[in-house]
């Protein structure tokens, strides 16, 4: 099982590397008065990590609420 996880981790890493080299274009992100220009690959990675964090926080909050409701 560890070998399967390692295999898929290597494949995902290689796909990310290919994505990074194919997407060097800069994109501008604006939020209210602020704006930042970053490469598309960095922007996508940052949004992915932000989504993981917010999803994890939401999931843990919902678990706490349902645990309180069961008591």
PDB file of N, CA and C in Angstrom:
ATOM      1  N   UNK A   1       0.819  -1.191   0.000  1.00  0.00           N
ATOM      2  CA  UNK A   1       0.000   0.000   0.000  1.00  0.00           C
ATOM      3  C   UNK A   1       0.872   1.269   0.000  1.00  0.00           C
ATOM      4  N   UNK A   2       1.990   1.218   0.727  1.00  0.00           N
ATOM      5  CA  UNK A   2       2.885   2.370   0.750  1.00  0.00           C
ATOM      6  C   UNK A   2       3.445   2.659  -0.639  1.00  0.00           C
ATOM      7  N   UNK A   3       3.694   1.611  -1.397  1.00  0.00           N
ATOM      8  CA  UNK A   3       4.240   1.794  -2.744  1.00  0.00           C
ATOM      9  C   UNK A   3       3.219   2.453  -3.659  1.00  0.00           C
ATOM     10  N   UNK A   4       1.952   2.121  -3.477  1.00  0.00           N
ATOM     11  CA  UNK A   4       0.895   2.727  -4.293  1.00  0.00           C
ATOM     12  C   UNK A   4       0.785   4.215  -3.964  1.00  0.00           C
ATOM     13  N   UNK A   5       0.820   4.555  -2.668  1.00  0.00           N
ATOM     14  CA  UNK A   5       0.762   5.958  -2.272  1.00  0.00           C
ATOM     15  C   UNK A   5       1.969   6.722  -2.808  1.00  0.00           C
ATOM     16  N   UNK A   6       3.131   6.118  -2.718  1.00  0.00           N
ATOM     17  CA  UNK A   6       4.336   6.759  -3.236  1.00  0.00           C
ATOM     18  C   UNK A   6       4.238   6.976  -4.738  1.00  0.00           C
ATOM     19  N   UNK A   7       3.742   5.977  -5.459  1.00  0.00           N
ATOM     20  CA  UNK A   7       3.579   6.076  -6.901  1.00  0.00           C
ATOM     21  C   UNK A   7       2.670   7.247  -7.267  1.00  0.00           C
ATOM     22  N   UNK A   8       1.508   7.342  -6.605  1.00  0.00           N
ATOM     23  CA  UNK A   8       0.577   8.419  -6.913  1.00  0.00           C
ATOM     24  C   UNK A   8       1.126   9.771  -6.480  1.00  0.00           C
ATOM     25  N   UNK A   9       1.877   9.813  -5.396  1.00  0.00           N
ATOM     26  CA  UNK A   9       2.501  11.067  -4.975  1.00  0.00           C
ATOM     27  C   UNK A   9       3.511  11.548  -6.006  1.00  0.00           C
ATOM     28  N   UNK A  10       4.307  10.635  -6.537  1.00  0.00           N
ATOM     29  CA  UNK A  10       5.297  10.999  -7.559  1.00  0.00           C
ATOM     30  C   UNK A  10       4.592  11.467  -8.827  1.00  0.00           C
ATOM     31  N   UNK A  11       3.532  10.784  -9.225  1.00  0.00           N
ATOM     32  CA  UNK A  11       2.775  11.176 -10.424  1.00  0.00           C
ATOM     33  C   UNK A  11       2.183  12.573 -10.244  1.00  0.00           C
ATOM     34  N   UNK A  12       1.567  12.837  -9.080  1.00  0.00           N
ATOM     35  CA  UNK A  12       0.999  14.161  -8.832  1.00  0.00           C
ATOM     36  C   UNK A  12       2.079  15.246  -8.822  1.00  0.00           C
ATOM     37  N   UNK A  13       3.220  14.931  -8.241  1.00  0.00           N
ATOM     38  CA  UNK A  13       4.323  15.891  -8.219  1.00  0.00           C
ATOM     39  C   UNK A  13       4.807  16.195  -9.634  1.00  0.00           C
ATOM     40  N   UNK A  14       4.948  15.167 -10.458  1.00  0.00           N
ATOM     41  CA  UNK A  14       5.379  15.373 -11.839  1.00  0.00           C
ATOM     42  C   UNK A  14       4.355  16.182 -12.630  1.00  0.00           C
ATOM     43  N   UNK A  15       3.068  15.917 -12.402  1.00  0.00           N
ATOM     44  CA  UNK A  15       2.036  16.702 -13.070  1.00  0.00           C
ATOM     45  C   UNK A  15       2.096  18.163 -12.647  1.00  0.00           C
ATOM     46  N   UNK A  16       2.363  18.406 -11.374  1.00  0.00           N
ATOM     47  CA  UNK A  16       2.492  19.779 -10.900  1.00  0.00           C
ATOM     48  C   UNK A  16       3.690  20.471 -11.546  1.00  0.00           C
ATOM     49  N   UNK A  17       4.803  19.757 -11.676  1.00  0.00           N
ATOM     50  CA  UNK A  17       5.994  20.334 -12.307  1.00  0.00           C
ATOM     51  C   UNK A  17       5.704  20.689 -13.768  1.00  0.00           C
ATOM     52  N   UNK A  18       5.039  19.792 -14.492  1.00  0.00           N
ATOM     53  CA  UNK A  18       4.683  20.071 -15.889  1.00  0.00           C
ATOM     54  C   UNK A  18       3.748  21.277 -15.963  1.00  0.00           C
ATOM     55  N   UNK A  19       2.756  21.319 -15.068  1.00  0.00           N
ATOM     56  CA  UNK A  19       1.822  22.450 -15.028  1.00  0.00           C
ATOM     57  C   UNK A  19       2.568  23.760 -14.781  1.00  0.00           C
ATOM     58  N   UNK A  20       3.529  23.721 -13.873  1.00  0.00           N
ATOM     59  CA  UNK A  20       4.294  24.921 -13.535  1.00  0.00           C
ATOM     60  C   UNK A  20       5.076  25.429 -14.741  1.00  0.00           C
ATOM     61  N   UNK A  21       5.747  24.542 -15.452  1.00  0.00           N
ATOM     62  CA  UNK A  21       6.555  24.971 -16.591  1.00  0.00           C
ATOM     63  C   UNK A  21       5.708  25.417 -17.780  1.00  0.00           C
ATOM     64  N   UNK A  22       4.468  24.942 -17.863  1.00  0.00           N
ATOM     65  CA  UNK A  22       3.609  25.348 -18.967  1.00  0.00           C
ATOM     66  C   UNK A  22       2.829  26.628 -18.670  1.00  0.00           C
ATOM     67  N   UNK A  23       2.834  27.089 -17.433  1.00  0.00           N
ATOM     68  CA  UNK A  23       2.016  28.238 -17.049  1.00  0.00           C
ATOM     69  C   UNK A  23       2.848  29.310 -16.359  1.00  0.00           C
ATOM     70  N   UNK A  24       3.762  29.900 -17.107  1.00  0.00           N
ATOM     71  CA  UNK A  24       4.582  30.973 -16.570  1.00  0.00           C
ATOM     72  C   UNK A  24       3.925  32.341 -16.738  1.00  0.00           C
ATOM     73  N   UNK A  25       2.775  32.403 -17.398  1.00  0.00           N
ATOM     74  CA  UNK A  25       2.141  33.697 -17.612  1.00  0.00           C
ATOM     75  C   UNK A  25       1.764  34.310 -16.267  1.00  0.00           C
ATOM     76  N   UNK A  26       1.869  35.610 -16.201  1.00  0.00           N
ATOM     77  CA  UNK A  26       1.470  36.311 -14.989  1.00  0.00           C
ATOM     78  C   UNK A  26      -0.012  36.609 -15.020  1.00  0.00           C
ATOM     79  N   UNK A  27      -0.640  36.511 -13.853  1.00  0.00           N
ATOM     80  CA  UNK A  27      -2.040  36.884 -13.693  1.00  0.00           C
ATOM     81  C   UNK A  27      -2.107  37.898 -12.564  1.00  0.00           C
ATOM     82  N   UNK A  28      -3.070  38.805 -12.675  1.00  0.00           N
ATOM     83  CA  UNK A  28      -3.257  39.821 -11.648  1.00  0.00           C
ATOM     84  C   UNK A  28      -4.513  39.499 -10.865  1.00  0.00           C
ATOM     85  N   UNK A  29      -4.367  39.454  -9.553  1.00  0.00           N
ATOM     86  CA  UNK A  29      -5.499  39.205  -8.667  1.00  0.00           C
ATOM     87  C   UNK A  29      -5.798  40.510  -7.947  1.00  0.00           C
ATOM     88  N   UNK A  30      -7.051  40.933  -7.993  1.00  0.00           N
ATOM     89  CA  UNK A  30      -7.464  42.171  -7.326  1.00  0.00           C
ATOM     90  C   UNK A  30      -8.461  41.843  -6.228  1.00  0.00           C
ATOM     91  N   UNK A  31      -8.273  42.484  -5.088  1.00  0.00           N
ATOM     92  CA  UNK A  31      -9.184  42.328  -3.961  1.00  0.00           C
ATOM     93  C   UNK A  31      -9.344  43.700  -3.338  1.00  0.00           C
ATOM     94  N   UNK A  32     -10.525  44.279  -3.517  1.00  0.00           N
ATOM     95  CA  UNK A  32     -10.797  45.657  -3.118  1.00  0.00           C
ATOM     96  C   UNK A  32      -9.751  46.582  -3.742  1.00  0.00           C
ATOM     97  N   UNK A  33      -8.935  47.261  -2.936  1.00  0.00           N
ATOM     98  CA  UNK A  33      -7.945  48.190  -3.492  1.00  0.00           C
ATOM     99  C   UNK A  33      -6.603  47.520  -3.766  1.00  0.00           C
ATOM    100  N   UNK A  34      -6.406  46.325  -3.280  1.00  0.00           N
ATOM    101  CA  UNK A  34      -5.114  45.656  -3.430  1.00  0.00           C
ATOM    102  C   UNK A  34      -5.096  44.814  -4.698  1.00  0.00           C
ATOM    103  N   UNK A  35      -3.931  44.714  -5.275  1.00  0.00           N
ATOM    104  CA  UNK A  35      -3.759  43.813  -6.411  1.00  0.00           C
ATOM    105  C   UNK A  35      -2.336  43.261  -6.367  1.00  0.00           C
ATOM    106  N   UNK A  36      -2.201  42.042  -6.874  1.00  0.00           N
ATOM    107  CA  UNK A  36      -0.898  41.382  -6.892  1.00  0.00           C
ATOM    108  C   UNK A  36      -0.788  40.623  -8.208  1.00  0.00           C
ATOM    109  N   UNK A  37       0.406  40.609  -8.757  1.00  0.00           N
ATOM    110  CA  UNK A  37       0.667  39.886  -9.999  1.00  0.00           C
ATOM    111  C   UNK A  37       1.619  38.737  -9.702  1.00  0.00           C
ATOM    112  N   UNK A  38       1.171  37.531 -10.019  1.00  0.00           N
ATOM    113  CA  UNK A  38       1.943  36.311  -9.770  1.00  0.00           C
ATOM    114  C   UNK A  38       1.846  35.389 -10.974  1.00  0.00           C
ATOM    115  N   UNK A  39       2.774  34.443 -11.097  1.00  0.00           N
ATOM    116  CA  UNK A  39       2.619  33.421 -12.137  1.00  0.00           C
ATOM    117  C   UNK A  39       1.370  32.570 -11.874  1.00  0.00           C
ATOM    118  N   UNK A  40       0.756  32.107 -12.940  1.00  0.00           N
ATOM    119  CA  UNK A  40      -0.473  31.332 -12.826  1.00  0.00           C
ATOM    120  C   UNK A  40      -0.297  30.091 -11.963  1.00  0.00           C
ATOM    121  N   UNK A  41       0.831  29.399 -12.088  1.00  0.00           N
ATOM    122  CA  UNK A  41       1.043  28.172 -11.315  1.00  0.00           C
ATOM    123  C   UNK A  41       1.086  28.461  -9.819  1.00  0.00           C
ATOM    124  N   UNK A  42       1.741  29.539  -9.419  1.00  0.00           N
ATOM    125  CA  UNK A  42       1.814  29.915  -8.009  1.00  0.00           C
ATOM    126  C   UNK A  42       0.428  30.299  -7.502  1.00  0.00           C
ATOM    127  N   UNK A  43      -0.328  31.013  -8.320  1.00  0.00           N
ATOM    128  CA  UNK A  43      -1.681  31.405  -7.951  1.00  0.00           C
ATOM    129  C   UNK A  43      -2.565  30.175  -7.753  1.00  0.00           C
ATOM    130  N   UNK A  44      -2.474  29.228  -8.670  1.00  0.00           N
ATOM    131  CA  UNK A  44      -3.281  28.012  -8.566  1.00  0.00           C
ATOM    132  C   UNK A  44      -2.901  27.226  -7.316  1.00  0.00           C
ATOM    133  N   UNK A  45      -1.616  27.099  -7.047  1.00  0.00           N
ATOM    134  CA  UNK A  45      -1.165  26.376  -5.851  1.00  0.00           C
ATOM    135  C   UNK A  45      -1.642  27.075  -4.581  1.00  0.00           C
ATOM    136  N   UNK A  46      -1.537  28.385  -4.540  1.00  0.00           N
ATOM    137  CA  UNK A  46      -1.997  29.139  -3.372  1.00  0.00           C
ATOM    138  C   UNK A  46      -3.489  28.993  -3.140  1.00  0.00           C
ATOM    139  N   UNK A  47      -4.269  29.041  -4.214  1.00  0.00           N
ATOM    140  CA  UNK A  47      -5.710  28.869  -4.079  1.00  0.00           C
ATOM    141  C   UNK A  47      -6.068  27.453  -3.651  1.00  0.00           C
ATOM    142  N   UNK A  48      -5.310  26.474  -4.100  1.00  0.00           N
ATOM    143  CA  UNK A  48      -5.530  25.091  -3.689  1.00  0.00           C
ATOM    144  C   UNK A  48      -5.289  24.939  -2.190  1.00  0.00           C
ATOM    145  N   UNK A  49      -4.184  25.489  -1.704  1.00  0.00           N
ATOM    146  CA  UNK A  49      -3.861  25.408  -0.275  1.00  0.00           C
ATOM    147  C   UNK A  49      -4.910  26.167   0.542  1.00  0.00           C
ATOM    148  N   UNK A  50      -5.320  27.334   0.075  1.00  0.00           N
ATOM    149  CA  UNK A  50      -6.354  28.091   0.764  1.00  0.00           C
ATOM    150  C   UNK A  50      -7.663  27.306   0.828  1.00  0.00           C
ATOM    151  N   UNK A  51      -8.005  26.630  -0.245  1.00  0.00           N
ATOM    152  CA  UNK A  51      -9.210  25.798  -0.266  1.00  0.00           C
ATOM    153  C   UNK A  51      -9.115  24.626   0.701  1.00  0.00           C
ATOM    154  N   UNK A  52      -7.919  24.021   0.783  1.00  0.00           N
ATOM    155  CA  UNK A  52      -7.742  22.919   1.732  1.00  0.00           C
ATOM    156  C   UNK A  52      -7.915  23.407   3.167  1.00  0.00           C
ATOM    157  N   UNK A  53      -7.331  24.555   3.465  1.00  0.00           N
ATOM    158  CA  UNK A  53      -7.432  25.098   4.827  1.00  0.00           C
ATOM    159  C   UNK A  53      -8.873  25.445   5.190  1.00  0.00           C
ATOM    160  N   UNK A  54      -9.558  26.149   4.319  1.00  0.00           N
ATOM    161  CA  UNK A  54     -10.937  26.533   4.629  1.00  0.00           C
ATOM    162  C   UNK A  54     -11.854  25.322   4.665  1.00  0.00           C
ATOM    163  N   UNK A  55     -11.626  24.364   3.788  1.00  0.00           N
ATOM    164  CA  UNK A  55     -12.428  23.147   3.818  1.00  0.00           C
ATOM    165  C   UNK A  55     -12.200  22.351   5.098  1.00  0.00           C
ATOM    166  N   UNK A  56     -10.951  22.270   5.535  1.00  0.00           N
ATOM    167  CA  UNK A  56     -10.638  21.562   6.775  1.00  0.00           C
ATOM    168  C   UNK A  56     -11.247  22.239   7.985  1.00  0.00           C
ATOM    169  N   UNK A  57     -11.168  23.572   8.008  1.00  0.00           N
ATOM    170  CA  UNK A  57     -11.780  24.306   9.121  1.00  0.00           C
ATOM    171  C   UNK A  57     -13.293  24.142   9.133  1.00  0.00           C
ATOM    172  N   UNK A  58     -13.911  24.192   7.979  1.00  0.00           N
ATOM    173  CA  UNK A  58     -15.355  24.006   7.890  1.00  0.00           C
ATOM    174  C   UNK A  58     -15.748  22.603   8.335  1.00  0.00           C
ATOM    175  N   UNK A  59     -15.005  21.613   7.882  1.00  0.00           N
ATOM    176  CA  UNK A  59     -15.294  20.219   8.235  1.00  0.00           C
ATOM    177  C   UNK A  59     -15.166  19.997   9.741  1.00  0.00           C
ATOM    178  N   UNK A  60     -14.095  20.519  10.355  1.00  0.00           N
ATOM    179  CA  UNK A  60     -13.915  20.329  11.797  1.00  0.00           C
ATOM    180  C   UNK A  60     -14.991  21.081  12.576  1.00  0.00           C
ATOM    181  N   UNK A  61     -15.393  22.244  12.103  1.00  0.00           N
ATOM    182  CA  UNK A  61     -16.473  22.983  12.759  1.00  0.00           C
ATOM    183  C   UNK A  61     -17.793  22.238  12.702  1.00  0.00           C
ATOM    184  N   UNK A  62     -18.089  21.649  11.551  1.00  0.00           N
ATOM    185  CA  UNK A  62     -19.324  20.877  11.421  1.00  0.00           C
ATOM    186  C   UNK A  62     -19.306  19.631  12.303  1.00  0.00           C
ATOM    187  N   UNK A  63     -18.149  18.995  12.419  1.00  0.00           N
ATOM    188  CA  UNK A  63     -18.040  17.822  13.284  1.00  0.00           C
ATOM    189  C   UNK A  63     -18.286  18.202  14.742  1.00  0.00           C
ATOM    190  N   UNK A  64     -17.756  19.356  15.180  1.00  0.00           N
ATOM    191  CA  UNK A  64     -17.983  19.812  16.554  1.00  0.00           C
ATOM    192  C   UNK A  64     -19.457  20.113  16.788  1.00  0.00           C
ATOM    193  N   UNK A  65     -20.110  20.745  15.818  1.00  0.00           N
ATOM    194  CA  UNK A  65     -21.526  21.058  15.964  1.00  0.00           C
ATOM    195  C   UNK A  65     -22.377  19.806  16.057  1.00  0.00           C
ATOM    196  N   UNK A  66     -22.090  18.813  15.229  1.00  0.00           N
ATOM    197  CA  UNK A  66     -22.882  17.590  15.280  1.00  0.00           C
ATOM    198  C   UNK A  66     -22.599  16.797  16.547  1.00  0.00           C
ATOM    199  N   UNK A  67     -21.382  16.878  17.054  1.00  0.00           N
ATOM    200  CA  UNK A  67     -21.051  16.191  18.292  1.00  0.00           C
ATOM    201  C   UNK A  67     -21.794  16.830  19.466  1.00  0.00           C
ATOM    202  N   UNK A  68     -21.906  18.169  19.477  1.00  0.00           N
ATOM    203  CA  UNK A  68     -22.652  18.856  20.527  1.00  0.00           C
ATOM    204  C   UNK A  68     -24.140  18.541  20.445  1.00  0.00           C
ATOM    205  N   UNK A  69     -24.657  18.420  19.217  1.00  0.00           N
ATOM    206  CA  UNK A  69     -26.075  18.140  19.042  1.00  0.00           C
ATOM    207  C   UNK A  69     -26.434  16.734  19.516  1.00  0.00           C
ATOM    208  N   UNK A  70     -25.499  15.805  19.439  1.00  0.00           N
ATOM    209  CA  UNK A  70     -25.760  14.436  19.877  1.00  0.00           C
ATOM    210  C   UNK A  70     -25.820  14.324  21.393  1.00  0.00           C
ATOM    211  N   UNK A  71     -25.143  15.222  22.097  1.00  0.00           N
ATOM    212  CA  UNK A  71     -25.119  15.171  23.568  1.00  0.00           C
ATOM    213  C   UNK A  71     -26.417  15.658  24.072  1.00  0.00           C
TER     214      UNK A  71
END
